[in-house]
């Protein structure tokens, strides 16, 4: 296991999550401020509650993935985890503009099914959610960043409700950098050669793994300390800076 530190420019980072310098009332104020900012941006996020809404989210994710050049199998095969997952959706009015899947690792999750990685000592699968299937409608000018912030905020609240202490994520480097908003220090998990068990579970992902597998990054993020206040300010400042350029 490796530990890395990466610093991202605030203008490019949805950086509402950082190691906390304090808690209590300051964190509560920061969370309220974030949600007021999301409302001002016209973005609301909620857990998916119905089969109809889930079908809409999955169709949206397939279209976003196809537009980004990912093989169709990636979205379709990952839907097998929906039966024991939680899904968060971001809306602007009635328009669906973002989605994220939270997969409890204790039941099985895509990262641990496809990649032979060892969890650090003391980390239990029962305390892990995989963040998977992130899809953002990039055509929504000015709202993509807010949608990502809202999805991560909802994912964090859901984690706390389910006594989850860790997020595990597999992504391409450019996408992985967005998740470093969780914590600039994260544990990188190095895949070992796949076992026959992993090879069996890779069936149906062949095209995705052939093209994207060699550059995949897997990280484990600690959710035990979170601060909203300063990072909401940094995120809003980054948004305003982007608007001027």
Protein backbone atom coordinates (compact mmCIF):
# COMPACT_ATOMS: atom_id res chain seq x y z
CA UNK A 1 0.00 0.00 0.00
CA UNK A 2 1.27 3.46 -0.88
CA UNK A 3 0.27 6.84 0.52
CA UNK A 4 0.29 9.84 -1.71
CA UNK A 5 -0.32 13.56 -1.41
CA UNK A 6 -1.69 15.46 -4.38
CA UNK A 7 -2.61 19.12 -4.35
CA UNK A 8 -5.16 20.38 -6.85
CA UNK A 9 -5.82 23.95 -7.89
CA UNK A 10 -8.98 25.24 -6.19
CA UNK A 11 -10.28 26.54 -9.54
CA UNK A 12 -10.37 22.97 -10.86
CA UNK A 13 -11.30 21.04 -7.74
CA UNK A 14 -14.70 20.34 -6.18
CA UNK A 15 -12.98 20.76 -2.84
CA UNK A 16 -15.69 20.80 -0.20
CA UNK A 17 -14.16 17.91 1.72
CA UNK A 18 -10.84 18.23 3.53
CA UNK A 19 -9.26 16.97 6.75
CA UNK A 20 -11.19 18.80 9.44
CA UNK A 21 -9.55 21.47 11.57
CA UNK A 22 -12.53 21.41 13.87
CA UNK A 23 -16.04 20.10 14.15
CA UNK A 24 -19.26 20.82 15.92
CA UNK A 25 -20.99 24.07 15.04
CA UNK A 26 -18.42 25.04 12.40
CA UNK A 27 -19.02 21.87 10.41
CA UNK A 28 -22.79 22.27 10.74
CA UNK A 29 -22.59 25.85 9.45
CA UNK A 30 -20.40 24.73 6.58
CA UNK A 31 -22.85 22.03 5.54
CA UNK A 32 -25.79 24.45 5.62
CA UNK A 33 -23.77 26.96 3.61
CA UNK A 34 -22.91 24.35 1.00
CA UNK A 35 -26.53 23.35 0.59
CA UNK A 36 -27.64 26.97 0.30
CA UNK A 37 -25.02 27.45 -2.42
CA UNK A 38 -26.28 24.36 -4.26
CA UNK A 39 -29.82 25.69 -4.06
CA UNK A 40 -28.63 29.02 -5.45
CA UNK A 41 -27.04 27.14 -8.34
CA UNK A 42 -30.38 25.40 -8.96
CA UNK A 43 -29.08 21.91 -8.08
CA UNK A 44 -30.78 19.40 -5.81
CA UNK A 45 -29.61 15.87 -4.98
CA UNK A 46 -31.58 12.94 -3.61
CA UNK A 47 -31.44 9.21 -3.16
CA UNK A 48 -33.16 7.23 -5.90
CA UNK A 49 -36.28 5.64 -4.41
CA UNK A 50 -38.16 3.95 -7.25
CA UNK A 51 -37.48 1.43 -10.01
CA UNK A 52 -38.65 4.00 -12.57
CA UNK A 53 -36.19 6.61 -11.35
CA UNK A 54 -33.38 4.04 -11.25
CA UNK A 55 -34.10 3.06 -14.86
CA UNK A 56 -33.91 6.72 -15.85
CA UNK A 57 -30.60 7.13 -14.01
CA UNK A 58 -29.11 4.05 -15.66
CA UNK A 59 -30.16 5.25 -19.11
CA UNK A 60 -28.60 8.64 -18.34
CA UNK A 61 -25.36 6.97 -17.20
CA UNK A 62 -25.13 4.85 -20.35
CA UNK A 63 -25.46 7.96 -22.52
CA UNK A 64 -22.85 9.90 -20.55
CA UNK A 65 -20.40 6.98 -20.63
CA UNK A 66 -20.93 6.48 -24.36
CA UNK A 67 -20.25 10.18 -24.96
CA UNK A 68 -17.02 9.88 -22.97
CA UNK A 69 -15.85 6.95 -25.12
CA UNK A 70 -16.31 4.14 -22.60
CA UNK A 71 -17.51 0.76 -23.92
CA UNK A 72 -21.20 0.06 -23.37
CA UNK A 73 -20.35 -2.96 -21.21
CA UNK A 74 -18.99 -0.75 -18.41
CA UNK A 75 -22.34 0.81 -17.49
CA UNK A 76 -24.45 -2.23 -18.36
CA UNK A 77 -22.40 -4.79 -16.42
CA UNK A 78 -22.10 -2.55 -13.37
CA UNK A 79 -25.88 -2.39 -13.07
CA UNK A 80 -25.79 -5.88 -11.55
CA UNK A 81 -24.81 -4.19 -8.27
CA UNK A 82 -27.98 -2.09 -8.19
CA UNK A 83 -29.88 -4.68 -6.15
CA UNK A 84 -27.80 -3.93 -3.04
CA UNK A 85 -26.58 -0.40 -3.82
CA UNK A 86 -27.73 3.13 -3.12
CA UNK A 87 -27.97 5.58 -5.99
CA UNK A 88 -27.77 9.37 -5.74
CA UNK A 89 -29.16 11.59 -8.50
CA UNK A 90 -28.59 15.30 -9.15
CA UNK A 91 -31.28 17.41 -10.79
CA UNK A 92 -31.61 20.90 -12.21
CA UNK A 93 -35.33 21.43 -12.27
CA UNK A 94 -36.69 18.22 -13.79
CA UNK A 95 -33.50 17.58 -15.77
CA UNK A 96 -31.23 14.78 -14.54
CA UNK A 97 -27.67 16.15 -14.62
CA UNK A 98 -25.65 13.74 -12.46
CA UNK A 99 -25.60 10.33 -10.80
CA UNK A 100 -23.44 8.29 -8.44
CA UNK A 101 -23.72 4.70 -7.19
CA UNK A 102 -22.76 3.71 -3.62
CA UNK A 103 -21.97 0.00 -3.35
CA UNK A 104 -21.55 -1.62 0.09
CA UNK A 105 -18.31 -3.57 -0.11
CA UNK A 106 -19.51 -6.10 2.45
CA UNK A 107 -22.02 -7.45 -0.10
CA UNK A 108 -19.56 -7.28 -3.05
CA UNK A 109 -18.41 -4.28 -5.06
CA UNK A 110 -16.88 -3.79 -8.47
CA UNK A 111 -13.42 -2.70 -7.29
CA UNK A 112 -12.86 -5.75 -5.11
CA UNK A 113 -14.46 -8.06 -7.68
CA UNK A 114 -12.24 -6.94 -10.56
CA UNK A 115 -9.00 -6.08 -8.78
CA UNK A 116 -6.97 -8.23 -6.41
CA UNK A 117 -6.09 -5.61 -3.81
CA UNK A 118 -5.41 -5.99 -0.09
CA UNK A 119 -7.18 -3.69 2.35
CA UNK A 120 -4.93 -2.03 4.93
CA UNK A 121 -4.86 -3.52 8.43
CA UNK A 122 -7.87 -2.48 10.48
CA UNK A 123 -10.04 -1.62 7.47
CA UNK A 124 -13.14 -3.82 7.25
CA UNK A 125 -15.29 -4.27 4.17
CA UNK A 126 -18.37 -3.62 6.33
CA UNK A 127 -17.17 -0.01 6.73
CA UNK A 128 -16.60 0.66 3.01
CA UNK A 129 -18.76 2.10 0.26
CA UNK A 130 -17.50 1.99 -3.30
CA UNK A 131 -18.18 5.23 -5.18
CA UNK A 132 -18.96 4.05 -8.68
CA UNK A 133 -20.77 5.05 -11.84
CA UNK A 134 -20.17 8.80 -11.54
CA UNK A 135 -21.83 10.52 -14.48
CA UNK A 136 -22.17 14.29 -14.99
CA UNK A 137 -23.94 16.03 -17.86
CA UNK A 138 -21.20 18.36 -19.06
CA UNK A 139 -23.63 20.29 -21.25
CA UNK A 140 -25.06 21.92 -18.11
CA UNK A 141 -22.85 25.01 -18.11
CA UNK A 142 -22.07 26.20 -14.60
CA UNK A 143 -23.89 23.33 -12.91
CA UNK A 144 -21.54 20.39 -13.44
CA UNK A 145 -19.30 21.39 -10.54
CA UNK A 146 -22.32 21.99 -8.30
CA UNK A 147 -23.76 18.59 -9.27
CA UNK A 148 -20.52 16.86 -8.29
CA UNK A 149 -20.42 18.75 -4.98
CA UNK A 150 -24.01 17.79 -4.25
CA UNK A 151 -23.49 14.13 -5.11
CA UNK A 152 -20.43 13.87 -2.85
CA UNK A 153 -22.26 15.67 -0.06
CA UNK A 154 -25.17 13.23 -0.28
CA UNK A 155 -22.73 10.30 -0.45
CA UNK A 156 -21.02 11.54 2.71
CA UNK A 157 -24.32 11.92 4.57
CA UNK A 158 -25.33 8.43 3.48
CA UNK A 159 -21.98 7.05 4.63
CA UNK A 160 -22.48 8.51 8.08
CA UNK A 161 -26.01 7.12 8.27
CA UNK A 162 -24.65 3.62 7.52
CA UNK A 163 -21.54 3.80 9.76
CA UNK A 164 -19.27 3.84 6.71
CA UNK A 165 -15.74 5.12 7.38
CA UNK A 166 -14.12 4.63 3.99
CA UNK A 167 -14.76 5.20 0.30
CA UNK A 168 -12.99 2.99 -2.23
CA UNK A 169 -12.72 4.28 -5.79
CA UNK A 170 -11.27 3.05 -9.08
CA UNK A 171 -10.94 5.58 -11.87
CA UNK A 172 -8.76 6.92 -14.61
CA UNK A 173 -6.20 9.48 -13.36
CA UNK A 174 -8.07 12.51 -14.70
CA UNK A 175 -11.28 11.40 -12.99
CA UNK A 176 -9.51 10.22 -9.86
CA UNK A 177 -8.24 13.73 -9.25
CA UNK A 178 -11.81 14.91 -8.68
CA UNK A 179 -12.20 12.46 -5.82
CA UNK A 180 -9.08 13.80 -4.12
CA UNK A 181 -11.44 16.50 -2.86
CA UNK A 182 -12.35 13.91 -0.23
CA UNK A 183 -8.91 14.13 1.31
CA UNK A 184 -5.63 15.21 -0.23
CA UNK A 185 -4.01 12.22 1.44
CA UNK A 186 -5.36 8.85 0.38
CA UNK A 187 -4.08 5.28 0.39
CA UNK A 188 -3.31 3.97 -3.07
CA UNK A 189 -3.99 0.26 -3.43
CA UNK A 190 -1.72 -1.59 -5.85
CA UNK A 191 -3.44 -4.47 -7.70
CA UNK A 192 -1.80 -7.87 -7.55
CA UNK A 193 -2.15 -10.47 -10.34
CA UNK A 194 -5.79 -11.54 -10.61
CA UNK A 195 -6.78 -14.87 -9.12
CA UNK A 196 -9.09 -17.30 -10.96
CA UNK A 197 -11.89 -15.88 -8.79
CA UNK A 198 -11.21 -12.35 -10.11
CA UNK A 199 -10.86 -13.56 -13.70
CA UNK A 200 -14.30 -15.14 -13.46
CA UNK A 201 -15.81 -11.83 -12.36
CA UNK A 202 -14.06 -9.94 -15.14
CA UNK A 203 -16.17 -11.66 -17.77
CA UNK A 204 -18.07 -9.03 -19.70
CA UNK A 205 -15.56 -6.29 -18.87
CA UNK A 206 -12.94 -7.40 -21.42
CA UNK A 207 -13.08 -4.31 -23.68
CA UNK A 208 -13.02 -1.92 -20.75
CA UNK A 209 -10.13 -3.67 -19.02
CA UNK A 210 -8.09 -3.97 -22.22
CA UNK A 211 -8.27 -0.23 -22.93
CA UNK A 212 -8.50 1.34 -19.48
CA UNK A 213 -7.26 -1.34 -17.07
CA UNK A 214 -3.52 -0.59 -17.35
CA UNK A 215 -3.97 3.01 -16.18
CA UNK A 216 -6.62 2.50 -13.50
CA UNK A 217 -6.00 4.13 -10.12
CA UNK A 218 -7.50 2.63 -6.95
CA UNK A 219 -7.73 4.68 -3.78
CA UNK A 220 -9.10 4.32 -0.26
CA UNK A 221 -10.34 7.53 1.37
CA UNK A 222 -10.76 8.09 5.12
CA UNK A 223 -14.04 9.84 6.00
CA UNK A 224 -13.35 10.24 9.71
CA UNK A 225 -12.54 13.94 9.50
CA UNK A 226 -14.40 16.34 7.21
CA UNK A 227 -14.59 20.11 7.01
CA UNK A 228 -16.99 22.10 4.87
CA UNK A 229 -16.49 25.75 5.69
CA UNK A 230 -13.14 26.68 4.16
CA UNK A 231 -13.62 24.38 1.20
CA UNK A 232 -17.01 25.73 0.29
CA UNK A 233 -15.30 29.13 0.12
CA UNK A 234 -12.56 27.67 -2.08
CA UNK A 235 -15.09 25.97 -4.36
CA UNK A 236 -17.16 29.13 -4.81
CA UNK A 237 -13.97 31.11 -5.45
CA UNK A 238 -12.93 28.54 -8.06
CA UNK A 239 -16.35 28.75 -9.72
CA UNK A 240 -16.16 32.55 -9.90
CA UNK A 241 -12.60 32.36 -11.25
CA UNK A 242 -13.73 29.95 -13.98
CA UNK A 243 -16.56 32.31 -14.91
CA UNK A 244 -14.09 35.13 -15.51
CA UNK A 245 -11.85 33.05 -17.81
